[in-house]
Amino acid sequence: MNTRMHRSPLATHIAMVLALTLVLGSSTAFAGKKPGGGGGGGTGGSGGTTTKPPTPTNFRVTAKTAYTITVAWDPAPATSGDFNYYLSGAYHVTPAILPKTATSHTFTALAPGNDYWLFNYTKDAAGNVGGQANLGPVLLPRDITPPWTAPVVSVGEVGANYAHLSWTRAEDDGPYHYSYELWINGSLLYRSDYPRDVTSTVLRFLQPATTYAVQIRTIDFGGNPSPISDPVSVTTLPANPNDTTPPTVPANVSAYGFGDLEMSLSWTQSTDDFDAQVNIRYDVYVNGRFEDVVFGSGGPRVIYGTGFGENLIEVFATDTAGNTSAAGTFTIFL
């Protein structure tokens, strides 16, 4: 007689729990084993852990000027592996990467009177990153030191009504100069604030066969002027008696508006029988009102209409002998 044993639902449940416990316990035990020995949770190697580069310590400011900040930090522990320092800052701060042996750095080309935040962290060749040290805000002083040398002016190409000028940078505590003044015969002709940090220009609207004394003075970021340069003599050429033909008429004059009185204007440059295109002057008029003057360029130029409705644009070309072309024209409705 066969006797069949029946298991209760409770007994079946207990048996399944015990089986799962044994399986999971075995998996955990196997997972904790590593080739070569060692405990679980490590990343291999004799110690079973990854060593990160050290965090820079005692990160501090050691010096600052109107344009620079010098920072320093303590040497890395002798037992630390190889790594680099990654330095950066906010805002418009040039980053730097330095070797493990470095203990200082100077940030340059900063702006006087600004606040800066500086950062320094470590990273090794494997990509392991250490902690980051922070500084800030670091306030720079304003620039109150004027440039201490004068520019030296040189004269380049000279025509009947123009002269090319260039000059050396005045020595200064900052990395750049923002503006310059151009003086003619002892009087200020103009000050240019844009574009920034230029060291050359073309002096226009001169008289033929005339001598001028030219001087330059530069102004630094803090608004401090340099000494004015020694005067240099510029003598323009006589007008060309053989040049009696005006440049060609500016072609393809065109403009488009922006929904108001502002327009963008361009044209094809003229040519001349004597003058290079760079020396041809263009005078722009809108409905008979003088609007702009430009040399050696066909735009685009931003100009403005005299009112809504029809606006007649005229562009005249003039050579260095004073010969003026007929107008290139374009009519636009604003």
C-alpha atoms as a PDB file:
ATOM      1  CA  MET A   1       0.000   0.000   0.000  1.00  0.00           C
ATOM      2  CA  ASN A   2       1.384   3.321  -1.065  1.00  0.00           C
ATOM      3  CA  THR A   3       1.055   6.066   1.431  1.00  0.00           C
ATOM      4  CA  ARG A   4       1.213   9.655  -0.005  1.00  0.00           C
ATOM      5  CA  MET A   5       2.441  12.380   2.271  1.00  0.00           C
ATOM      6  CA  HIS A   6       0.733  15.755   1.922  1.00  0.00           C
ATOM      7  CA  ARG A   7       2.649  18.950   2.838  1.00  0.00           C
ATOM      8  CA  SER A   8       0.840  21.809   4.421  1.00  0.00           C
ATOM      9  CA  PRO A   9       1.005  25.277   2.702  1.00  0.00           C
ATOM     10  CA  LEU A  10       2.938  26.626   5.719  1.00  0.00           C
ATOM     11  CA  ALA A  11       5.610  23.933   5.417  1.00  0.00           C
ATOM     12  CA  THR A  12       5.997  24.661   1.701  1.00  0.00           C
ATOM     13  CA  HIS A  13       6.463  28.418   2.377  1.00  0.00           C
ATOM     14  CA  ILE A  14       9.093  27.800   5.084  1.00  0.00           C
ATOM     15  CA  ALA A  15      11.030  25.494   2.764  1.00  0.00           C
ATOM     16  CA  MET A  16      11.117  28.147   0.001  1.00  0.00           C
ATOM     17  CA  VAL A  17      12.371  30.841   2.388  1.00  0.00           C
ATOM     18  CA  LEU A  18      15.171  28.573   3.623  1.00  0.00           C
ATOM     19  CA  ALA A  19      16.189  27.759   0.068  1.00  0.00           C
ATOM     20  CA  LEU A  20      16.329  31.433  -0.957  1.00  0.00           C
ATOM     21  CA  THR A  21      18.312  32.285   2.152  1.00  0.00           C
ATOM     22  CA  LEU A  22      20.899  29.638   1.318  1.00  0.00           C
ATOM     23  CA  VAL A  23      21.167  30.779  -2.295  1.00  0.00           C
ATOM     24  CA  LEU A  24      21.504  34.475  -1.437  1.00  0.00           C
ATOM     25  CA  GLY A  25      23.994  33.739   1.323  1.00  0.00           C
ATOM     26  CA  SER A  26      26.128  31.756  -1.110  1.00  0.00           C
ATOM     27  CA  SER A  27      25.976  34.569  -3.710  1.00  0.00           C
ATOM     28  CA  THR A  28      27.025  37.168  -1.158  1.00  0.00           C
ATOM     29  CA  ALA A  29      29.883  35.027  -0.002  1.00  0.00           C
ATOM     30  CA  PHE A  30      31.123  34.505  -3.555  1.00  0.00           C
ATOM     31  CA  ALA A  31      30.748  38.202  -4.366  1.00  0.00           C
ATOM     32  CA  GLY A  32      32.965  39.103  -1.455  1.00  0.00           C
ATOM     33  CA  LYS A  33      35.811  36.987  -2.787  1.00  0.00           C
ATOM     34  CA  LYS A  34      38.400  38.596  -5.041  1.00  0.00           C
ATOM     35  CA  PRO A  35      41.225  36.956  -6.948  1.00  0.00           C
ATOM     36  CA  GLY A  36      44.301  37.307  -4.843  1.00  0.00           C
ATOM     37  CA  GLY A  37      42.375  37.635  -1.605  1.00  0.00           C
ATOM     38  CA  GLY A  38      41.093  40.714   0.202  1.00  0.00           C
ATOM     39  CA  GLY A  39      37.735  41.682   1.566  1.00  0.00           C
ATOM     40  CA  GLY A  40      34.648  42.847  -0.223  1.00  0.00           C
ATOM     41  CA  GLY A  41      33.774  46.421  -1.212  1.00  0.00           C
ATOM     42  CA  GLY A  42      37.266  47.401  -2.451  1.00  0.00           C
ATOM     43  CA  THR A  43      38.505  48.167  -5.940  1.00  0.00           C
ATOM     44  CA  GLY A  44      41.392  45.720  -6.076  1.00  0.00           C
ATOM     45  CA  GLY A  45      45.057  46.088  -5.368  1.00  0.00           C
ATOM     46  CA  SER A  46      46.840  45.242  -2.185  1.00  0.00           C
ATOM     47  CA  GLY A  47      44.794  47.704  -0.132  1.00  0.00           C
ATOM     48  CA  GLY A  48      41.535  47.159  -2.021  1.00  0.00           C
ATOM     49  CA  THR A  49      40.801  50.942  -2.304  1.00  0.00           C
ATOM     50  CA  THR A  50      41.424  53.784  -4.795  1.00  0.00           C
ATOM     51  CA  THR A  51      43.562  56.618  -3.448  1.00  0.00           C
ATOM     52  CA  LYS A  52      42.339  60.032  -4.559  1.00  0.00           C
ATOM     53  CA  PRO A  53      44.731  62.967  -4.973  1.00  0.00           C
ATOM     54  CA  PRO A  54      44.913  65.202  -1.904  1.00  0.00           C
ATOM     55  CA  THR A  55      42.835  68.367  -1.576  1.00  0.00           C
ATOM     56  CA  PRO A  56      44.929  71.554  -1.835  1.00  0.00           C
ATOM     57  CA  THR A  57      45.447  72.923   1.662  1.00  0.00           C
ATOM     58  CA  ASN A  58      45.882  76.476   2.902  1.00  0.00           C
ATOM     59  CA  PHE A  59      44.751  77.941  -0.452  1.00  0.00           C
ATOM     60  CA  ARG A  60      45.347  81.676  -0.033  1.00  0.00           C
ATOM     61  CA  VAL A  61      46.052  85.018  -1.709  1.00  0.00           C
ATOM     62  CA  THR A  62      49.651  86.136  -1.355  1.00  0.00           C
ATOM     63  CA  ALA A  63      49.634  89.262  -3.555  1.00  0.00           C
ATOM     64  CA  LYS A  64      47.375  91.269  -5.844  1.00  0.00           C
ATOM     65  CA  THR A  65      47.597  94.297  -8.114  1.00  0.00           C
ATOM     66  CA  ALA A  66      44.960  96.085 -10.155  1.00  0.00           C
ATOM     67  CA  TYR A  67      45.351  93.396 -12.849  1.00  0.00           C
ATOM     68  CA  THR A  68      46.711  90.264 -11.115  1.00  0.00           C
ATOM     69  CA  ILE A  69      46.090  87.877  -8.223  1.00  0.00           C
ATOM     70  CA  THR A  70      48.822  85.578  -6.916  1.00  0.00           C
ATOM     71  CA  VAL A  71      47.677  82.518  -4.961  1.00  0.00           C
ATOM     72  CA  ALA A  72      49.584  79.844  -3.055  1.00  0.00           C
ATOM     73  CA  TRP A  73      48.927  76.543  -1.271  1.00  0.00           C
ATOM     74  CA  ASP A  74      50.900  74.123   0.872  1.00  0.00           C
ATOM     75  CA  PRO A  75      53.043  71.398  -0.747  1.00  0.00           C
ATOM     76  CA  ALA A  76      51.375  68.049  -1.343  1.00  0.00           C
ATOM     77  CA  PRO A  77      52.238  65.239   1.095  1.00  0.00           C
ATOM     78  CA  ALA A  78      55.370  63.355   0.088  1.00  0.00           C
ATOM     79  CA  THR A  79      53.454  60.083   0.065  1.00  0.00           C
ATOM     80  CA  SER A  80      50.814  61.231  -2.453  1.00  0.00           C
ATOM     81  CA  GLY A  81      50.892  59.865  -5.995  1.00  0.00           C
ATOM     82  CA  ASP A  82      51.344  61.888  -9.156  1.00  0.00           C
ATOM     83  CA  PHE A  83      48.605  64.389 -10.104  1.00  0.00           C
ATOM     84  CA  ASN A  84      48.012  67.908 -11.441  1.00  0.00           C
ATOM     85  CA  TYR A  85      46.448  71.037  -9.966  1.00  0.00           C
ATOM     86  CA  TYR A  86      43.535  72.532 -11.930  1.00  0.00           C
ATOM     87  CA  LEU A  87      43.078  76.241 -11.267  1.00  0.00           C
ATOM     88  CA  SER A  88      40.222  78.386 -12.549  1.00  0.00           C
ATOM     89  CA  GLY A  89      38.017  81.287 -11.543  1.00  0.00           C
ATOM     90  CA  ALA A  90      35.025  83.497 -12.214  1.00  0.00           C
ATOM     91  CA  TYR A  91      34.677  85.541 -14.281  1.00  0.00           C
ATOM     92  CA  HIS A  92      36.936  85.820 -17.376  1.00  0.00           C
ATOM     93  CA  VAL A  93      39.789  84.120 -15.532  1.00  0.00           C
ATOM     94  CA  THR A  94      42.266  82.144 -17.648  1.00  0.00           C
ATOM     95  CA  PRO A  95      42.494  78.568 -16.267  1.00  0.00           C
ATOM     96  CA  ALA A  96      45.802  76.811 -15.617  1.00  0.00           C
ATOM     97  CA  ILE A  97      47.007  73.223 -15.135  1.00  0.00           C
ATOM     98  CA  LEU A  98      50.096  72.860 -12.935  1.00  0.00           C
ATOM     99  CA  PRO A  99      52.184  69.850 -11.852  1.00  0.00           C
ATOM    100  CA  LYS A 100      52.183  68.300  -8.394  1.00  0.00           C
ATOM    101  CA  THR A 101      55.331  70.225  -7.475  1.00  0.00           C
ATOM    102  CA  ALA A 102      53.653  73.642  -7.912  1.00  0.00           C
ATOM    103  CA  THR A 103      52.694  75.681  -4.868  1.00  0.00           C
ATOM    104  CA  SER A 104      51.704  79.049  -6.407  1.00  0.00           C
ATOM    105  CA  HIS A 105      50.193  80.694  -9.481  1.00  0.00           C
ATOM    106  CA  THR A 106      49.485  84.232 -10.740  1.00  0.00           C
ATOM    107  CA  PHE A 107      46.235  84.996 -12.588  1.00  0.00           C
ATOM    108  CA  THR A 108      46.804  87.865 -15.037  1.00  0.00           C
ATOM    109  CA  ALA A 109      44.807  90.159 -17.356  1.00  0.00           C
ATOM    110  CA  LEU A 110      42.105  90.713 -14.760  1.00  0.00           C
ATOM    111  CA  ALA A 111      39.963  93.844 -14.430  1.00  0.00           C
ATOM    112  CA  PRO A 112      40.614  96.486 -11.765  1.00  0.00           C
ATOM    113  CA  GLY A 113      37.908  96.985  -9.149  1.00  0.00           C
ATOM    114  CA  ASN A 114      36.281  93.586  -9.820  1.00  0.00           C
ATOM    115  CA  ASP A 115      35.494  90.709  -7.462  1.00  0.00           C
ATOM    116  CA  TYR A 116      36.876  87.266  -8.329  1.00  0.00           C
ATOM    117  CA  TRP A 117      36.247  83.731  -7.088  1.00  0.00           C
ATOM    118  CA  LEU A 118      39.131  81.275  -7.511  1.00  0.00           C
ATOM    119  CA  PHE A 119      39.174  77.467  -7.432  1.00  0.00           C
ATOM    120  CA  ASN A 120      41.862  74.801  -7.148  1.00  0.00           C
ATOM    121  CA  TYR A 121      41.312  71.033  -7.340  1.00  0.00           C
ATOM    122  CA  THR A 122      43.482  68.003  -8.064  1.00  0.00           C
ATOM    123  CA  LYS A 123      43.167  65.168 -10.599  1.00  0.00           C
ATOM    124  CA  ASP A 124      45.449  62.287 -11.512  1.00  0.00           C
ATOM    125  CA  ALA A 125      46.067  60.638 -14.885  1.00  0.00           C
ATOM    126  CA  ALA A 126      43.394  57.999 -14.208  1.00  0.00           C
ATOM    127  CA  GLY A 127      40.765  60.684 -13.785  1.00  0.00           C
ATOM    128  CA  ASN A 128      40.468  60.417 -10.018  1.00  0.00           C
ATOM    129  CA  VAL A 129      39.537  63.828  -8.632  1.00  0.00           C
ATOM    130  CA  GLY A 130      40.497  65.124  -5.233  1.00  0.00           C
ATOM    131  CA  GLY A 131      38.779  67.819  -3.222  1.00  0.00           C
ATOM    132  CA  GLN A 132      38.505  71.455  -4.279  1.00  0.00           C
ATOM    133  CA  ALA A 133      39.774  74.522  -2.437  1.00  0.00           C
ATOM    134  CA  ASN A 134      37.956  77.838  -2.963  1.00  0.00           C
ATOM    135  CA  LEU A 135      38.769  81.521  -2.509  1.00  0.00           C
ATOM    136  CA  GLY A 136      36.568  84.563  -2.818  1.00  0.00           C
ATOM    137  CA  PRO A 137      35.444  87.087  -3.251  1.00  0.00           C
ATOM    138  CA  VAL A 138      38.843  88.673  -3.920  1.00  0.00           C
ATOM    139  CA  LEU A 139      38.468  92.383  -4.658  1.00  0.00           C
ATOM    140  CA  LEU A 140      41.094  93.985  -6.875  1.00  0.00           C
ATOM    141  CA  PRO A 141      42.119  97.598  -6.322  1.00  0.00           C
ATOM    142  CA  ARG A 142      41.365 100.193  -8.955  1.00  0.00           C
ATOM    143  CA  ASP A 143      44.062 101.236 -11.409  1.00  0.00           C
ATOM    144  CA  ILE A 144      45.429 104.591 -10.275  1.00  0.00           C
ATOM    145  CA  THR A 145      48.862 104.223 -11.893  1.00  0.00           C
ATOM    146  CA  PRO A 146      49.233 106.092 -15.200  1.00  0.00           C
ATOM    147  CA  PRO A 147      51.428 104.717 -17.996  1.00  0.00           C
ATOM    148  CA  TRP A 148      54.950 105.990 -17.298  1.00  0.00           C
ATOM    149  CA  THR A 149      56.359 106.236 -20.831  1.00  0.00           C
ATOM    150  CA  ALA A 150      55.090 108.114 -23.873  1.00  0.00           C
ATOM    151  CA  PRO A 151      54.219 106.367 -27.148  1.00  0.00           C
ATOM    152  CA  VAL A 152      56.710 106.676 -29.987  1.00  0.00           C
ATOM    153  CA  VAL A 153      54.925 107.683 -33.208  1.00  0.00           C
ATOM    154  CA  SER A 154      55.930 106.527 -36.693  1.00  0.00           C
ATOM    155  CA  VAL A 155      54.667 107.814 -40.044  1.00  0.00           C
ATOM    156  CA  GLY A 156      53.851 105.402 -42.859  1.00  0.00           C
ATOM    157  CA  GLU A 157      52.252 106.046 -46.245  1.00  0.00           C
ATOM    158  CA  VAL A 158      51.367 109.702 -46.896  1.00  0.00           C
ATOM    159  CA  GLY A 159      49.066 111.018 -49.632  1.00  0.00           C
ATOM    160  CA  ALA A 160      47.622 114.378 -50.556  1.00  0.00           C
ATOM    161  CA  ASN A 161      45.002 114.258 -47.813  1.00  0.00           C
ATOM    162  CA  TYR A 162      45.883 111.314 -45.566  1.00  0.00           C
ATOM    163  CA  ALA A 163      48.735 109.846 -43.517  1.00  0.00           C
ATOM    164  CA  HIS A 164      49.187 106.412 -41.956  1.00  0.00           C
ATOM    165  CA  LEU A 165      50.331 106.563 -38.307  1.00  0.00           C
ATOM    166  CA  SER A 166      51.428 103.922 -35.829  1.00  0.00           C
ATOM    167  CA  TRP A 167      52.841 104.073 -32.318  1.00  0.00           C
ATOM    168  CA  THR A 168      54.414 101.923 -29.626  1.00  0.00           C
ATOM    169  CA  ARG A 169      52.559 100.975 -26.488  1.00  0.00           C
ATOM    170  CA  ALA A 170      53.223 103.111 -23.448  1.00  0.00           C
ATOM    171  CA  GLU A 171      54.620 101.063 -20.560  1.00  0.00           C
ATOM    172  CA  ASP A 172      51.939 100.473 -17.947  1.00  0.00           C
ATOM    173  CA  ASP A 173      50.991  98.167 -15.081  1.00  0.00           C
ATOM    174  CA  GLY A 174      48.057  96.798 -17.091  1.00  0.00           C
ATOM    175  CA  PRO A 175      48.026  94.471 -20.096  1.00  0.00           C
ATOM    176  CA  TYR A 176      46.087  96.770 -22.414  1.00  0.00           C
ATOM    177  CA  HIS A 177      45.219 100.376 -23.213  1.00  0.00           C
ATOM    178  CA  TYR A 178      41.663 101.321 -23.941  1.00  0.00           C
ATOM    179  CA  SER A 179      41.782 104.692 -25.699  1.00  0.00           C
ATOM    180  CA  TYR A 180      44.068 107.121 -27.483  1.00  0.00           C
ATOM    181  CA  GLU A 181      44.126 110.841 -28.204  1.00  0.00           C
ATOM    182  CA  LEU A 182      45.427 112.302 -31.468  1.00  0.00           C
ATOM    183  CA  TRP A 183      46.873 115.809 -31.295  1.00  0.00           C
ATOM    184  CA  ILE A 184      47.572 118.051 -34.308  1.00  0.00           C
ATOM    185  CA  ASN A 185      49.765 121.150 -34.029  1.00  0.00           C
ATOM    186  CA  GLY A 186      49.432 121.170 -30.245  1.00  0.00           C
ATOM    187  CA  SER A 187      45.628 120.827 -30.115  1.00  0.00           C
ATOM    188  CA  LEU A 188      43.502 117.761 -29.438  1.00  0.00           C
ATOM    189  CA  LEU A 189      41.913 116.596 -32.691  1.00  0.00           C
ATOM    190  CA  TYR A 190      39.922 113.680 -31.262  1.00  0.00           C
ATOM    191  CA  ARG A 191      39.848 110.896 -28.676  1.00  0.00           C
ATOM    192  CA  SER A 192      39.036 107.355 -29.818  1.00  0.00           C
ATOM    193  CA  ASP A 193      37.521 104.883 -27.328  1.00  0.00           C
ATOM    194  CA  TYR A 194      36.571 102.210 -29.862  1.00  0.00           C
ATOM    195  CA  PRO A 195      37.938  99.926 -31.121  1.00  0.00           C
ATOM    196  CA  ARG A 196      39.980  99.235 -27.984  1.00  0.00           C
ATOM    197  CA  ASP A 197      43.713  98.889 -27.634  1.00  0.00           C
ATOM    198  CA  VAL A 198      44.712 100.074 -31.126  1.00  0.00           C
ATOM    199  CA  THR A 199      48.222 101.217 -32.059  1.00  0.00           C
ATOM    200  CA  SER A 200      47.640 102.590 -35.550  1.00  0.00           C
ATOM    201  CA  THR A 201      45.267 104.804 -37.513  1.00  0.00           C
ATOM    202  CA  VAL A 202      44.895 106.677 -40.794  1.00  0.00           C
ATOM    203  CA  LEU A 203      44.693 110.428 -40.381  1.00  0.00           C
ATOM    204  CA  ARG A 204      42.195 111.755 -42.947  1.00  0.00           C
ATOM    205  CA  PHE A 205      40.898 115.101 -44.202  1.00  0.00           C
ATOM    206  CA  LEU A 206      44.339 116.712 -44.396  1.00  0.00           C
ATOM    207  CA  GLN A 207      45.207 119.516 -46.806  1.00  0.00           C
ATOM    208  CA  PRO A 208      47.577 118.850 -49.730  1.00  0.00           C
ATOM    209  CA  ALA A 209      51.182 120.083 -49.480  1.00  0.00           C
ATOM    210  CA  THR A 210      50.802 120.935 -45.784  1.00  0.00           C
ATOM    211  CA  THR A 211      53.022 120.107 -42.790  1.00  0.00           C
ATOM    212  CA  TYR A 212      51.499 118.931 -39.508  1.00  0.00           C
ATOM    213  CA  ALA A 213      52.953 118.147 -36.066  1.00  0.00           C
ATOM    214  CA  VAL A 214      51.334 114.922 -34.821  1.00  0.00           C
ATOM    215  CA  GLN A 215      51.305 113.537 -31.245  1.00  0.00           C
ATOM    216  CA  ILE A 216      49.633 110.556 -29.553  1.00  0.00           C
ATOM    217  CA  ARG A 217      48.625 109.987 -25.940  1.00  0.00           C
ATOM    218  CA  THR A 218      47.171 106.669 -24.715  1.00  0.00           C
ATOM    219  CA  ILE A 219      44.740 106.072 -21.844  1.00  0.00           C
ATOM    220  CA  ASP A 220      44.776 102.863 -19.789  1.00  0.00           C
ATOM    221  CA  PHE A 221      41.898 100.778 -18.407  1.00  0.00           C
ATOM    222  CA  GLY A 222      41.660 102.962 -15.314  1.00  0.00           C
ATOM    223  CA  GLY A 223      41.372 106.157 -17.351  1.00  0.00           C
ATOM    224  CA  ASN A 224      44.922 107.264 -16.570  1.00  0.00           C
ATOM    225  CA  PRO A 225      46.632 109.096 -19.479  1.00  0.00           C
ATOM    226  CA  SER A 226      50.205 108.471 -20.524  1.00  0.00           C
ATOM    227  CA  PRO A 227      52.684 111.275 -21.195  1.00  0.00           C
ATOM    228  CA  ILE A 228      52.083 112.711 -24.637  1.00  0.00           C
ATOM    229  CA  SER A 229      54.482 111.625 -27.363  1.00  0.00           C
ATOM    230  CA  ASP A 230      57.119 113.821 -28.932  1.00  0.00           C
ATOM    231  CA  PRO A 231      55.736 115.515 -32.057  1.00  0.00           C
ATOM    232  CA  VAL A 232      56.506 113.989 -35.436  1.00  0.00           C
ATOM    233  CA  SER A 233      56.303 115.933 -38.689  1.00  0.00           C
ATOM    234  CA  VAL A 234      53.903 114.886 -41.444  1.00  0.00           C
ATOM    235  CA  THR A 235      53.961 116.662 -44.792  1.00  0.00           C
ATOM    236  CA  THR A 236      51.239 115.735 -47.257  1.00  0.00           C
ATOM    237  CA  LEU A 237      51.837 115.441 -50.979  1.00  0.00           C
ATOM    238  CA  PRO A 238      50.574 118.026 -53.447  1.00  0.00           C
ATOM    239  CA  ALA A 239      47.325 117.168 -55.162  1.00  0.00           C
ATOM    240  CA  ASN A 240      47.869 115.205 -58.360  1.00  0.00           C
ATOM    241  CA  PRO A 241      47.429 117.707 -61.212  1.00  0.00           C
ATOM    242  CA  ASN A 242      46.906 114.866 -63.676  1.00  0.00           C
ATOM    243  CA  ASP A 243      43.975 113.377 -61.763  1.00  0.00           C
ATOM    244  CA  THR A 244      40.846 114.968 -63.165  1.00  0.00           C
ATOM    245  CA  THR A 245      38.619 111.910 -63.444  1.00  0.00           C
ATOM    246  CA  PRO A 246      36.307 110.959 -60.555  1.00  0.00           C
ATOM    247  CA  PRO A 247      35.967 107.398 -59.308  1.00  0.00           C
ATOM    248  CA  THR A 248      33.310 105.161 -60.835  1.00  0.00           C
ATOM    249  CA  VAL A 249      29.800 105.500 -59.481  1.00  0.00           C
ATOM    250  CA  PRO A 250      29.163 103.265 -56.428  1.00  0.00           C
ATOM    251  CA  ALA A 251      27.151 100.328 -57.782  1.00  0.00           C
ATOM    252  CA  ASN A 252      24.585  97.963 -56.330  1.00  0.00           C
ATOM    253  CA  VAL A 253      23.519 100.346 -53.569  1.00  0.00           C
ATOM    254  CA  SER A 254      20.986  98.538 -51.407  1.00  0.00           C
ATOM    255  CA  ALA A 255      19.449  98.827 -47.953  1.00  0.00           C
ATOM    256  CA  TYR A 256      16.917  97.071 -45.768  1.00  0.00           C
ATOM    257  CA  GLY A 257      15.065  98.234 -42.690  1.00  0.00           C
ATOM    258  CA  PHE A 258      14.278  96.798 -39.269  1.00  0.00           C
ATOM    259  CA  GLY A 259      10.748  98.061 -38.813  1.00  0.00           C
ATOM    260  CA  ASP A 260      11.799 101.500 -37.607  1.00  0.00           C
ATOM    261  CA  LEU A 261      14.087 104.206 -39.062  1.00  0.00           C
ATOM    262  CA  GLU A 262      17.255 102.091 -38.784  1.00  0.00           C
ATOM    263  CA  MET A 263      18.673 100.586 -41.975  1.00  0.00           C
ATOM    264  CA  SER A 264      21.610  98.474 -43.085  1.00  0.00           C
ATOM    265  CA  LEU A 265      23.337  99.914 -46.176  1.00  0.00           C
ATOM    266  CA  SER A 266      25.899  98.378 -48.540  1.00  0.00           C
ATOM    267  CA  TRP A 267      27.294  98.962 -52.034  1.00  0.00           C
ATOM    268  CA  THR A 268      29.993  97.789 -54.452  1.00  0.00           C
ATOM    269  CA  GLN A 269      33.152  99.860 -54.069  1.00  0.00           C
ATOM    270  CA  SER A 270      34.251 102.286 -56.766  1.00  0.00           C
ATOM    271  CA  THR A 271      37.542 102.203 -58.646  1.00  0.00           C
ATOM    272  CA  ASP A 272      39.773 105.124 -59.602  1.00  0.00           C
ATOM    273  CA  ASP A 273      42.427 105.741 -62.263  1.00  0.00           C
ATOM    274  CA  PHE A 274      45.013 106.823 -59.656  1.00  0.00           C
ATOM    275  CA  ASP A 275      43.896 105.976 -56.117  1.00  0.00           C
ATOM    276  CA  ALA A 276      43.672 102.582 -54.465  1.00  0.00           C
ATOM    277  CA  GLN A 277      40.193 101.623 -53.290  1.00  0.00           C
ATOM    278  CA  VAL A 278      41.260 101.937 -49.649  1.00  0.00           C
ATOM    279  CA  ASN A 279      41.709 105.713 -50.150  1.00  0.00           C
ATOM    280  CA  ILE A 280      38.384 106.416 -51.870  1.00  0.00           C
ATOM    281  CA  ARG A 281      35.971 108.346 -49.651  1.00  0.00           C
ATOM    282  CA  TYR A 282      32.224 107.660 -49.641  1.00  0.00           C
ATOM    283  CA  ASP A 283      29.707 110.257 -48.469  1.00  0.00           C
ATOM    284  CA  VAL A 284      26.221 108.966 -47.675  1.00  0.00           C
ATOM    285  CA  TYR A 285      23.070 111.115 -47.749  1.00  0.00           C
ATOM    286  CA  VAL A 286      19.466 110.233 -46.891  1.00  0.00           C
ATOM    287  CA  ASN A 287      16.843 112.551 -48.394  1.00  0.00           C
ATOM    288  CA  GLY A 288      19.588 115.152 -48.789  1.00  0.00           C
ATOM    289  CA  ARG A 289      20.764 114.915 -45.174  1.00  0.00           C
ATOM    290  CA  PHE A 290      24.416 113.973 -44.630  1.00  0.00           C
ATOM    291  CA  GLU A 291      24.398 110.641 -42.805  1.00  0.00           C
ATOM    292  CA  ASP A 292      27.846 109.002 -42.918  1.00  0.00           C
ATOM    293  CA  VAL A 293      31.363 109.052 -44.324  1.00  0.00           C
ATOM    294  CA  VAL A 294      33.554 105.994 -44.810  1.00  0.00           C
ATOM    295  CA  PHE A 295      36.859 105.214 -46.518  1.00  0.00           C
ATOM    296  CA  GLY A 296      37.703 102.122 -48.540  1.00  0.00           C
ATOM    297  CA  SER A 297      34.607 100.098 -47.695  1.00  0.00           C
ATOM    298  CA  GLY A 298      31.255  99.187 -49.200  1.00  0.00           C
ATOM    299  CA  GLY A 299      29.615  98.529 -45.859  1.00  0.00           C
ATOM    300  CA  PRO A 300      27.475  97.256 -44.386  1.00  0.00           C
ATOM    301  CA  ARG A 301      26.827 100.517 -42.527  1.00  0.00           C
ATOM    302  CA  VAL A 302      24.026 101.368 -40.136  1.00  0.00           C
ATOM    303  CA  ILE A 303      22.181 104.515 -41.198  1.00  0.00           C
ATOM    304  CA  TYR A 304      18.842 106.117 -40.330  1.00  0.00           C
ATOM    305  CA  GLY A 305      15.966 107.390 -42.416  1.00  0.00           C
ATOM    306  CA  THR A 306      14.663 110.925 -42.079  1.00  0.00           C
ATOM    307  CA  GLY A 307      11.126 109.640 -41.472  1.00  0.00           C
ATOM    308  CA  PHE A 308       8.638 106.931 -42.337  1.00  0.00           C
ATOM    309  CA  GLY A 309       7.754 106.638 -45.991  1.00  0.00           C
ATOM    310  CA  GLU A 310      10.079 107.156 -48.949  1.00  0.00           C
ATOM    311  CA  ASN A 311      13.800 107.607 -48.219  1.00  0.00           C
ATOM    312  CA  LEU A 312      16.265 108.289 -51.039  1.00  0.00           C
ATOM    313  CA  ILE A 313      19.801 107.066 -50.253  1.00  0.00           C
ATOM    314  CA  GLU A 314      22.730 108.567 -52.205  1.00  0.00           C
ATOM    315  CA  VAL A 315      26.358 107.394 -52.052  1.00  0.00           C
ATOM    316  CA  PHE A 316      29.095 109.581 -53.619  1.00  0.00           C
ATOM    317  CA  ALA A 317      32.716 108.498 -54.189  1.00  0.00           C
ATOM    318  CA  THR A 318      35.590 111.010 -53.978  1.00  0.00           C
ATOM    319  CA  ASP A 319      39.283 110.449 -54.749  1.00  0.00           C
ATOM    320  CA  THR A 320      42.276 112.085 -53.078  1.00  0.00           C
ATOM    321  CA  ALA A 321      42.370 114.797 -55.748  1.00  0.00           C
ATOM    322  CA  GLY A 322      38.854 115.887 -54.804  1.00  0.00           C
ATOM    323  CA  ASN A 323      37.043 114.484 -57.841  1.00  0.00           C
ATOM    324  CA  THR A 324      33.545 113.310 -56.893  1.00  0.00           C
ATOM    325  CA  SER A 325      31.440 110.775 -58.775  1.00  0.00           C
ATOM    326  CA  ALA A 326      27.748 110.904 -59.499  1.00  0.00           C
ATOM    327  CA  ALA A 327      25.620 109.284 -56.806  1.00  0.00           C
ATOM    328  CA  GLY A 328      24.749 105.633 -56.584  1.00  0.00           C
ATOM    329  CA  THR A 329      21.141 105.621 -55.370  1.00  0.00           C
ATOM    330  CA  PHE A 330      18.569 103.437 -53.706  1.00  0.00           C
ATOM    331  CA  THR A 331      15.012 104.223 -52.609  1.00  0.00           C
ATOM    332  CA  ILE A 332      13.475 102.462 -49.618  1.00  0.00           C
ATOM    333  CA  PHE A 333      10.068 102.795 -47.983  1.00  0.00           C
ATOM    334  CA  LEU A 334      10.187 102.630 -44.197  1.00  0.00           C
END
